[in-house]
Amino acid sequence: MSRTIWKFIPEITDSINIEMPKGARVLHAEAHGDRQLQVWAEVNPNTYTTNRELRVYGTGHPMPDNPGRYISTTFSGPFVWHVYEPAATS
């Protein structure tokens, strides 16, 4: 299996949806400019794409008891964002 790391640049919102190859492993997220996020994922480029969701919570904002897998914390100007990948639901 051939794997590589890809970068995605979605806008920062509460819920981010990214098309990436099935089975991708999100590695890190970091603010980039105003309202953009850089997201790196380990992918198999030979598989079909699927929609992945990330959730972004600002410091002090409400979040669920089980937000999912923590990805990273990053800064965008005066804001601090905490990025999680919710657990997959069936």
PDB file of N, CA and C in Angstrom:
ATOM      1  N   MET A   1       0.853  -1.173   0.000  1.00  0.00           N
ATOM      2  CA  MET A   1       0.000   0.000   0.000  1.00  0.00           C
ATOM      3  C   MET A   1       0.898   1.234   0.000  1.00  0.00           C
ATOM      4  N   SER A   2       0.620   2.179  -0.857  1.00  0.00           N
ATOM      5  CA  SER A   2       1.390   3.409  -0.953  1.00  0.00           C
ATOM      6  C   SER A   2       0.665   4.525  -0.196  1.00  0.00           C
ATOM      7  N   ARG A   3       1.335   5.107   0.796  1.00  0.00           N
ATOM      8  CA  ARG A   3       0.737   6.177   1.583  1.00  0.00           C
ATOM      9  C   ARG A   3       1.578   7.439   1.440  1.00  0.00           C
ATOM     10  N   THR A   4       0.952   8.584   1.645  1.00  0.00           N
ATOM     11  CA  THR A   4       1.632   9.867   1.598  1.00  0.00           C
ATOM     12  C   THR A   4       0.893  10.829   2.518  1.00  0.00           C
ATOM     13  N   ILE A   5       1.417  12.030   2.696  1.00  0.00           N
ATOM     14  CA  ILE A   5       0.755  13.036   3.518  1.00  0.00           C
ATOM     15  C   ILE A   5       0.258  14.153   2.605  1.00  0.00           C
ATOM     16  N   TRP A   6      -1.019  14.487   2.757  1.00  0.00           N
ATOM     17  CA  TRP A   6      -1.639  15.563   2.004  1.00  0.00           C
ATOM     18  C   TRP A   6      -2.024  16.687   2.953  1.00  0.00           C
ATOM     19  N   LYS A   7      -2.112  17.908   2.404  1.00  0.00           N
ATOM     20  CA  LYS A   7      -2.558  19.070   3.169  1.00  0.00           C
ATOM     21  C   LYS A   7      -3.882  19.550   2.590  1.00  0.00           C
ATOM     22  N   PHE A   8      -4.807  19.896   3.475  1.00  0.00           N
ATOM     23  CA  PHE A   8      -6.116  20.424   3.104  1.00  0.00           C
ATOM     24  C   PHE A   8      -6.246  21.801   3.760  1.00  0.00           C
ATOM     25  N   ILE A   9      -6.941  22.744   3.101  1.00  0.00           N
ATOM     26  CA  ILE A   9      -7.071  24.088   3.653  1.00  0.00           C
ATOM     27  C   ILE A   9      -8.549  24.502   3.666  1.00  0.00           C
ATOM     28  N   PRO A  10      -9.302  24.072   4.695  1.00  0.00           N
ATOM     29  CA  PRO A  10     -10.702  24.488   4.810  1.00  0.00           C
ATOM     30  C   PRO A  10     -10.820  25.800   5.597  1.00  0.00           C
ATOM     31  N   GLU A  11     -11.968  26.431   5.478  1.00  0.00           N
ATOM     32  CA  GLU A  11     -12.278  27.609   6.285  1.00  0.00           C
ATOM     33  C   GLU A  11     -12.583  27.162   7.720  1.00  0.00           C
ATOM     34  N   ILE A  12     -12.200  27.976   8.704  1.00  0.00           N
ATOM     35  CA  ILE A  12     -12.493  27.652  10.103  1.00  0.00           C
ATOM     36  C   ILE A  12     -13.961  27.957  10.386  1.00  0.00           C
ATOM     37  N   THR A  13     -14.710  26.915  10.703  1.00  0.00           N
ATOM     38  CA  THR A  13     -16.097  27.034  11.152  1.00  0.00           C
ATOM     39  C   THR A  13     -16.265  26.040  12.289  1.00  0.00           C
ATOM     40  N   ASP A  14     -17.430  26.039  12.922  1.00  0.00           N
ATOM     41  CA  ASP A  14     -17.659  25.087  14.020  1.00  0.00           C
ATOM     42  C   ASP A  14     -17.556  23.641  13.552  1.00  0.00           C
ATOM     43  N   SER A  15     -18.060  23.381  12.358  1.00  0.00           N
ATOM     44  CA  SER A  15     -18.032  22.037  11.778  1.00  0.00           C
ATOM     45  C   SER A  15     -17.405  22.124  10.391  1.00  0.00           C
ATOM     46  N   ILE A  16     -16.310  21.408  10.207  1.00  0.00           N
ATOM     47  CA  ILE A  16     -15.578  21.427   8.945  1.00  0.00           C
ATOM     48  C   ILE A  16     -15.747  20.072   8.265  1.00  0.00           C
ATOM     49  N   ASN A  17     -16.102  20.092   6.992  1.00  0.00           N
ATOM     50  CA  ASN A  17     -16.207  18.865   6.208  1.00  0.00           C
ATOM     51  C   ASN A  17     -15.144  18.898   5.124  1.00  0.00           C
ATOM     52  N   ILE A  18     -14.345  17.828   5.054  1.00  0.00           N
ATOM     53  CA  ILE A  18     -13.248  17.742   4.102  1.00  0.00           C
ATOM     54  C   ILE A  18     -13.365  16.441   3.323  1.00  0.00           C
ATOM     55  N   GLU A  19     -13.271  16.525   2.003  1.00  0.00           N
ATOM     56  CA  GLU A  19     -13.204  15.325   1.173  1.00  0.00           C
ATOM     57  C   GLU A  19     -11.762  14.830   1.182  1.00  0.00           C
ATOM     58  N   MET A  20     -11.557  13.614   1.654  1.00  0.00           N
ATOM     59  CA  MET A  20     -10.217  13.026   1.650  1.00  0.00           C
ATOM     60  C   MET A  20     -10.333  11.528   1.414  1.00  0.00           C
ATOM     61  N   PRO A  21      -9.254  10.879   0.991  1.00  0.00           N
ATOM     62  CA  PRO A  21      -9.328   9.442   0.730  1.00  0.00           C
ATOM     63  C   PRO A  21      -9.804   8.655   1.952  1.00  0.00           C
ATOM     64  N   LYS A  22     -10.626   7.651   1.683  1.00  0.00           N
ATOM     65  CA  LYS A  22     -11.152   6.793   2.756  1.00  0.00           C
ATOM     66  C   LYS A  22      -9.987   6.196   3.546  1.00  0.00           C
ATOM     67  N   GLY A  23     -10.121   6.184   4.861  1.00  0.00           N
ATOM     68  CA  GLY A  23      -9.096   5.613   5.727  1.00  0.00           C
ATOM     69  C   GLY A  23      -7.973   6.581   6.058  1.00  0.00           C
ATOM     70  N   ALA A  24      -8.089   7.844   5.628  1.00  0.00           N
ATOM     71  CA  ALA A  24      -7.049   8.832   5.939  1.00  0.00           C
ATOM     72  C   ALA A  24      -6.943   9.007   7.449  1.00  0.00           C
ATOM     73  N   ARG A  25      -5.735   9.286   7.901  1.00  0.00           N
ATOM     74  CA  ARG A  25      -5.501   9.521   9.333  1.00  0.00           C
ATOM     75  C   ARG A  25      -5.105  10.986   9.502  1.00  0.00           C
ATOM     76  N   VAL A  26      -5.994  11.764  10.126  1.00  0.00           N
ATOM     77  CA  VAL A  26      -5.723  13.178  10.357  1.00  0.00           C
ATOM     78  C   VAL A  26      -4.605  13.284  11.389  1.00  0.00           C
ATOM     79  N   LEU A  27      -3.556  14.037  11.036  1.00  0.00           N
ATOM     80  CA  LEU A  27      -2.369  14.134  11.883  1.00  0.00           C
ATOM     81  C   LEU A  27      -2.300  15.422  12.690  1.00  0.00           C
ATOM     82  N   HIS A  28      -2.648  16.549  12.057  1.00  0.00           N
ATOM     83  CA  HIS A  28      -2.444  17.845  12.707  1.00  0.00           C
ATOM     84  C   HIS A  28      -3.293  18.900  12.020  1.00  0.00           C
ATOM     85  N   ALA A  29      -3.643  19.946  12.764  1.00  0.00           N
ATOM     86  CA  ALA A  29      -4.352  21.093  12.201  1.00  0.00           C
ATOM     87  C   ALA A  29      -3.736  22.357  12.775  1.00  0.00           C
ATOM     88  N   GLU A  30      -3.626  23.375  11.929  1.00  0.00           N
ATOM     89  CA  GLU A  30      -2.998  24.627  12.352  1.00  0.00           C
ATOM     90  C   GLU A  30      -3.646  25.800  11.622  1.00  0.00           C
ATOM     91  N   ALA A  31      -3.889  26.897  12.340  1.00  0.00           N
ATOM     92  CA  ALA A  31      -4.479  28.082  11.713  1.00  0.00           C
ATOM     93  C   ALA A  31      -3.539  28.615  10.649  1.00  0.00           C
ATOM     94  N   HIS A  32      -4.153  29.118   9.578  1.00  0.00           N
ATOM     95  CA  HIS A  32      -3.391  29.661   8.446  1.00  0.00           C
ATOM     96  C   HIS A  32      -4.147  30.876   7.946  1.00  0.00           C
ATOM     97  N   GLY A  33      -3.617  32.053   8.202  1.00  0.00           N
ATOM     98  CA  GLY A  33      -4.308  33.260   7.767  1.00  0.00           C
ATOM     99  C   GLY A  33      -5.591  33.464   8.548  1.00  0.00           C
ATOM    100  N   ASP A  34      -6.468  34.273   7.990  1.00  0.00           N
ATOM    101  CA  ASP A  34      -7.718  34.608   8.645  1.00  0.00           C
ATOM    102  C   ASP A  34      -8.802  33.601   8.281  1.00  0.00           C
ATOM    103  N   ARG A  35      -9.272  32.880   9.260  1.00  0.00           N
ATOM    104  CA  ARG A  35     -10.383  31.932   9.105  1.00  0.00           C
ATOM    105  C   ARG A  35     -10.055  30.723   8.236  1.00  0.00           C
ATOM    106  N   GLN A  36      -8.792  30.383   8.067  1.00  0.00           N
ATOM    107  CA  GLN A  36      -8.433  29.162   7.347  1.00  0.00           C
ATOM    108  C   GLN A  36      -7.636  28.252   8.269  1.00  0.00           C
ATOM    109  N   LEU A  37      -7.728  26.982   7.991  1.00  0.00           N
ATOM    110  CA  LEU A  37      -7.049  25.965   8.759  1.00  0.00           C
ATOM    111  C   LEU A  37      -6.235  25.117   7.791  1.00  0.00           C
ATOM    112  N   GLN A  38      -5.032  24.749   8.160  1.00  0.00           N
ATOM    113  CA  GLN A  38      -4.283  23.758   7.400  1.00  0.00           C
ATOM    114  C   GLN A  38      -4.435  22.445   8.150  1.00  0.00           C
ATOM    115  N   VAL A  39      -4.830  21.415   7.435  1.00  0.00           N
ATOM    116  CA  VAL A  39      -5.027  20.090   8.026  1.00  0.00           C
ATOM    117  C   VAL A  39      -4.156  19.108   7.256  1.00  0.00           C
ATOM    118  N   TRP A  40      -3.308  18.368   7.967  1.00  0.00           N
ATOM    119  CA  TRP A  40      -2.465  17.359   7.344  1.00  0.00           C
ATOM    120  C   TRP A  40      -3.017  15.982   7.685  1.00  0.00           C
ATOM    121  N   ALA A  41      -3.035  15.114   6.686  1.00  0.00           N
ATOM    122  CA  ALA A  41      -3.536  13.758   6.887  1.00  0.00           C
ATOM    123  C   ALA A  41      -2.675  12.772   6.108  1.00  0.00           C
ATOM    124  N   GLU A  42      -2.457  11.627   6.711  1.00  0.00           N
ATOM    125  CA  GLU A  42      -1.779  10.517   6.031  1.00  0.00           C
ATOM    126  C   GLU A  42      -2.842   9.792   5.223  1.00  0.00           C
ATOM    127  N   VAL A  43      -2.614   9.661   3.919  1.00  0.00           N
ATOM    128  CA  VAL A  43      -3.641   9.104   3.040  1.00  0.00           C
ATOM    129  C   VAL A  43      -3.070   8.030   2.114  1.00  0.00           C
ATOM    130  N   ASN A  44      -3.955   7.195   1.628  1.00  0.00           N
ATOM    131  CA  ASN A  44      -3.658   6.306   0.510  1.00  0.00           C
ATOM    132  C   ASN A  44      -4.323   6.965  -0.697  1.00  0.00           C
ATOM    133  N   PRO A  45      -3.550   7.584  -1.587  1.00  0.00           N
ATOM    134  CA  PRO A  45      -4.144   8.328  -2.704  1.00  0.00           C
ATOM    135  C   PRO A  45      -4.867   7.448  -3.716  1.00  0.00           C
ATOM    136  N   ASN A  46      -4.741   6.145  -3.589  1.00  0.00           N
ATOM    137  CA  ASN A  46      -5.359   5.223  -4.539  1.00  0.00           C
ATOM    138  C   ASN A  46      -6.752   4.768  -4.118  1.00  0.00           C
ATOM    139  N   THR A  47      -7.295   5.335  -3.030  1.00  0.00           N
ATOM    140  CA  THR A  47      -8.643   4.958  -2.600  1.00  0.00           C
ATOM    141  C   THR A  47      -9.610   6.089  -2.940  1.00  0.00           C
ATOM    142  N   TYR A  48     -10.890   5.774  -2.937  1.00  0.00           N
ATOM    143  CA  TYR A  48     -11.904   6.791  -3.241  1.00  0.00           C
ATOM    144  C   TYR A  48     -12.032   7.767  -2.073  1.00  0.00           C
ATOM    145  N   THR A  49     -12.540   8.965  -2.362  1.00  0.00           N
ATOM    146  CA  THR A  49     -12.672   9.974  -1.315  1.00  0.00           C
ATOM    147  C   THR A  49     -13.999   9.844  -0.585  1.00  0.00           C
ATOM    148  N   THR A  50     -13.992  10.337   0.620  1.00  0.00           N
ATOM    149  CA  THR A  50     -15.180  10.344   1.458  1.00  0.00           C
ATOM    150  C   THR A  50     -15.146  11.618   2.298  1.00  0.00           C
ATOM    151  N   ASN A  51     -16.285  11.995   2.817  1.00  0.00           N
ATOM    152  CA  ASN A  51     -16.397  13.201   3.620  1.00  0.00           C
ATOM    153  C   ASN A  51     -15.951  12.922   5.063  1.00  0.00           C
ATOM    154  N   ARG A  52     -15.088  13.789   5.587  1.00  0.00           N
ATOM    155  CA  ARG A  52     -14.651  13.689   6.989  1.00  0.00           C
ATOM    156  C   ARG A  52     -15.033  14.970   7.699  1.00  0.00           C
ATOM    157  N   GLU A  53     -15.470  14.848   8.935  1.00  0.00           N
ATOM    158  CA  GLU A  53     -15.855  16.013   9.715  1.00  0.00           C
ATOM    159  C   GLU A  53     -14.828  16.280  10.806  1.00  0.00           C
ATOM    160  N   LEU A  54     -14.484  17.539  10.993  1.00  0.00           N
ATOM    161  CA  LEU A  54     -13.711  17.996  12.140  1.00  0.00           C
ATOM    162  C   LEU A  54     -14.558  19.028  12.854  1.00  0.00           C
ATOM    163  N   ARG A  55     -14.435  19.105  14.156  1.00  0.00           N
ATOM    164  CA  ARG A  55     -15.151  20.092  14.955  1.00  0.00           C
ATOM    165  C   ARG A  55     -14.142  21.045  15.570  1.00  0.00           C
ATOM    166  N   VAL A  56     -14.479  22.336  15.604  1.00  0.00           N
ATOM    167  CA  VAL A  56     -13.590  23.356  16.136  1.00  0.00           C
ATOM    168  C   VAL A  56     -14.297  24.055  17.288  1.00  0.00           C
ATOM    169  N   TYR A  57     -13.627  24.101  18.453  1.00  0.00           N
ATOM    170  CA  TYR A  57     -14.176  24.740  19.638  1.00  0.00           C
ATOM    171  C   TYR A  57     -13.239  25.859  20.077  1.00  0.00           C
ATOM    172  N   GLY A  58     -13.785  27.041  20.260  1.00  0.00           N
ATOM    173  CA  GLY A  58     -12.998  28.142  20.784  1.00  0.00           C
ATOM    174  C   GLY A  58     -12.825  27.985  22.288  1.00  0.00           C
ATOM    175  N   THR A  59     -11.748  28.530  22.821  1.00  0.00           N
ATOM    176  CA  THR A  59     -11.534  28.495  24.264  1.00  0.00           C
ATOM    177  C   THR A  59     -12.721  29.149  24.960  1.00  0.00           C
ATOM    178  N   GLY A  60     -13.276  28.463  25.962  1.00  0.00           N
ATOM    179  CA  GLY A  60     -14.412  28.964  26.718  1.00  0.00           C
ATOM    180  C   GLY A  60     -15.763  28.660  26.098  1.00  0.00           C
ATOM    181  N   HIS A  61     -15.792  28.123  24.885  1.00  0.00           N
ATOM    182  CA  HIS A  61     -17.059  27.790  24.237  1.00  0.00           C
ATOM    183  C   HIS A  61     -17.530  26.414  24.708  1.00  0.00           C
ATOM    184  N   PRO A  62     -18.837  26.185  24.731  1.00  0.00           N
ATOM    185  CA  PRO A  62     -19.343  24.871  25.142  1.00  0.00           C
ATOM    186  C   PRO A  62     -18.930  23.787  24.157  1.00  0.00           C
ATOM    187  N   MET A  63     -18.741  22.588  24.685  1.00  0.00           N
ATOM    188  CA  MET A  63     -18.437  21.426  23.849  1.00  0.00           C
ATOM    189  C   MET A  63     -19.063  20.200  24.503  1.00  0.00           C
ATOM    190  N   PRO A  64     -19.294  19.135  23.736  1.00  0.00           N
ATOM    191  CA  PRO A  64     -19.921  17.937  24.305  1.00  0.00           C
ATOM    192  C   PRO A  64     -18.983  17.211  25.265  1.00  0.00           C
ATOM    193  N   ASP A  65     -19.559  16.328  26.076  1.00  0.00           N
ATOM    194  CA  ASP A  65     -18.759  15.539  27.021  1.00  0.00           C
ATOM    195  C   ASP A  65     -17.734  14.662  26.318  1.00  0.00           C
ATOM    196  N   ASN A  66     -18.087  14.137  25.164  1.00  0.00           N
ATOM    197  CA  ASN A  66     -17.188  13.274  24.381  1.00  0.00           C
ATOM    198  C   ASN A  66     -17.018  13.870  22.986  1.00  0.00           C
ATOM    199  N   PRO A  67     -16.114  14.858  22.833  1.00  0.00           N
ATOM    200  CA  PRO A  67     -15.994  15.533  21.542  1.00  0.00           C
ATOM    201  C   PRO A  67     -15.312  14.709  20.456  1.00  0.00           C
ATOM    202  N   GLY A  68     -14.684  13.591  20.821  1.00  0.00           N
ATOM    203  CA  GLY A  68     -13.985  12.771  19.837  1.00  0.00           C
ATOM    204  C   GLY A  68     -12.487  12.810  20.064  1.00  0.00           C
ATOM    205  N   ARG A  69     -11.737  12.504  19.006  1.00  0.00           N
ATOM    206  CA  ARG A  69     -10.268  12.441  19.095  1.00  0.00           C
ATOM    207  C   ARG A  69      -9.679  13.836  18.952  1.00  0.00           C
ATOM    208  N   TYR A  70      -8.880  14.228  19.920  1.00  0.00           N
ATOM    209  CA  TYR A  70      -8.213  15.525  19.883  1.00  0.00           C
ATOM    210  C   TYR A  70      -7.167  15.520  18.773  1.00  0.00           C
ATOM    211  N   ILE A  71      -7.168  16.584  17.955  1.00  0.00           N
ATOM    212  CA  ILE A  71      -6.190  16.729  16.875  1.00  0.00           C
ATOM    213  C   ILE A  71      -5.110  17.725  17.279  1.00  0.00           C
ATOM    214  N   SER A  72      -5.500  18.965  17.608  1.00  0.00           N
ATOM    215  CA  SER A  72      -4.511  19.978  17.993  1.00  0.00           C
ATOM    216  C   SER A  72      -5.196  21.246  18.479  1.00  0.00           C
ATOM    217  N   THR A  73      -4.385  22.131  19.031  1.00  0.00           N
ATOM    218  CA  THR A  73      -4.796  23.481  19.420  1.00  0.00           C
ATOM    219  C   THR A  73      -3.985  24.445  18.586  1.00  0.00           C
ATOM    220  N   THR A  74      -4.647  25.501  18.093  1.00  0.00           N
ATOM    221  CA  THR A  74      -3.966  26.458  17.231  1.00  0.00           C
ATOM    222  C   THR A  74      -4.497  27.865  17.471  1.00  0.00           C
ATOM    223  N   PHE A  75      -3.791  28.859  16.982  1.00  0.00           N
ATOM    224  CA  PHE A  75      -4.128  30.256  17.203  1.00  0.00           C
ATOM    225  C   PHE A  75      -4.464  30.931  15.881  1.00  0.00           C
ATOM    226  N   SER A  76      -5.485  31.792  15.897  1.00  0.00           N
ATOM    227  CA  SER A  76      -5.857  32.594  14.738  1.00  0.00           C
ATOM    228  C   SER A  76      -6.107  34.006  15.249  1.00  0.00           C
ATOM    229  N   GLY A  77      -5.108  34.886  15.109  1.00  0.00           N
ATOM    230  CA  GLY A  77      -5.202  36.227  15.678  1.00  0.00           C
ATOM    231  C   GLY A  77      -5.375  36.120  17.182  1.00  0.00           C
ATOM    232  N   PRO A  78      -6.417  36.759  17.740  1.00  0.00           N
ATOM    233  CA  PRO A  78      -6.617  36.692  19.185  1.00  0.00           C
ATOM    234  C   PRO A  78      -7.351  35.421  19.641  1.00  0.00           C
ATOM    235  N   PHE A  79      -7.731  34.568  18.693  1.00  0.00           N
ATOM    236  CA  PHE A  79      -8.539  33.394  19.013  1.00  0.00           C
ATOM    237  C   PHE A  79      -7.679  32.140  19.160  1.00  0.00           C
ATOM    238  N   VAL A  80      -8.116  31.255  20.051  1.00  0.00           N
ATOM    239  CA  VAL A  80      -7.478  29.952  20.224  1.00  0.00           C
ATOM    240  C   VAL A  80      -8.523  28.900  19.879  1.00  0.00           C
ATOM    241  N   TRP A  81      -8.186  28.019  18.948  1.00  0.00           N
ATOM    242  CA  TRP A  81      -9.099  26.989  18.462  1.00  0.00           C
ATOM    243  C   TRP A  81      -8.591  25.608  18.874  1.00  0.00           C
ATOM    244  N   HIS A  82      -9.526  24.720  19.221  1.00  0.00           N
ATOM    245  CA  HIS A  82      -9.211  23.352  19.622  1.00  0.00           C
ATOM    246  C   HIS A  82      -9.941  22.435  18.634  1.00  0.00           C
ATOM    247  N   VAL A  83      -9.189  21.603  17.929  1.00  0.00           N
ATOM    248  CA  VAL A  83      -9.728  20.818  16.817  1.00  0.00           C
ATOM    249  C   VAL A  83      -9.861  19.352  17.236  1.00  0.00           C
ATOM    250  N   TYR A  84     -11.046  18.790  16.983  1.00  0.00           N
ATOM    251  CA  TYR A  84     -11.350  17.393  17.310  1.00  0.00           C
ATOM    252  C   TYR A  84     -11.958  16.712  16.091  1.00  0.00           C
ATOM    253  N   GLU A  85     -11.781  15.402  16.035  1.00  0.00           N
ATOM    254  CA  GLU A  85     -12.491  14.598  15.033  1.00  0.00           C
ATOM    255  C   GLU A  85     -13.509  13.751  15.776  1.00  0.00           C
ATOM    256  N   PRO A  86     -14.810  14.003  15.543  1.00  0.00           N
ATOM    257  CA  PRO A  86     -15.842  13.228  16.242  1.00  0.00           C
ATOM    258  C   PRO A  86     -15.726  11.735  15.938  1.00  0.00           C
ATOM    259  N   ALA A  87     -16.160  10.930  16.877  1.00  0.00           N
ATOM    260  CA  ALA A  87     -16.174   9.480  16.661  1.00  0.00           C
ATOM    261  C   ALA A  87     -17.135   9.163  15.527  1.00  0.00           C
ATOM    262  N   ALA A  88     -16.769   8.222  14.684  1.00  0.00           N
ATOM    263  CA  ALA A  88     -17.635   7.814  13.569  1.00  0.00           C
ATOM    264  C   ALA A  88     -18.914   7.206  14.114  1.00  0.00           C
ATOM    265  N   THR A  89     -20.024   7.508  13.451  1.00  0.00           N
ATOM    266  CA  THR A  89     -21.303   6.930  13.859  1.00  0.00           C
ATOM    267  C   THR A  89     -21.787   5.991  12.777  1.00  0.00           C
ATOM    268  N   SER A  90     -22.481   4.986  13.193  1.00  0.00           N
ATOM    269  CA  SER A  90     -23.005   4.002  12.211  1.00  0.00           C
ATOM    270  C   SER A  90     -24.403   4.311  11.819  1.00  0.00           C
TER     271      SER A  90
END
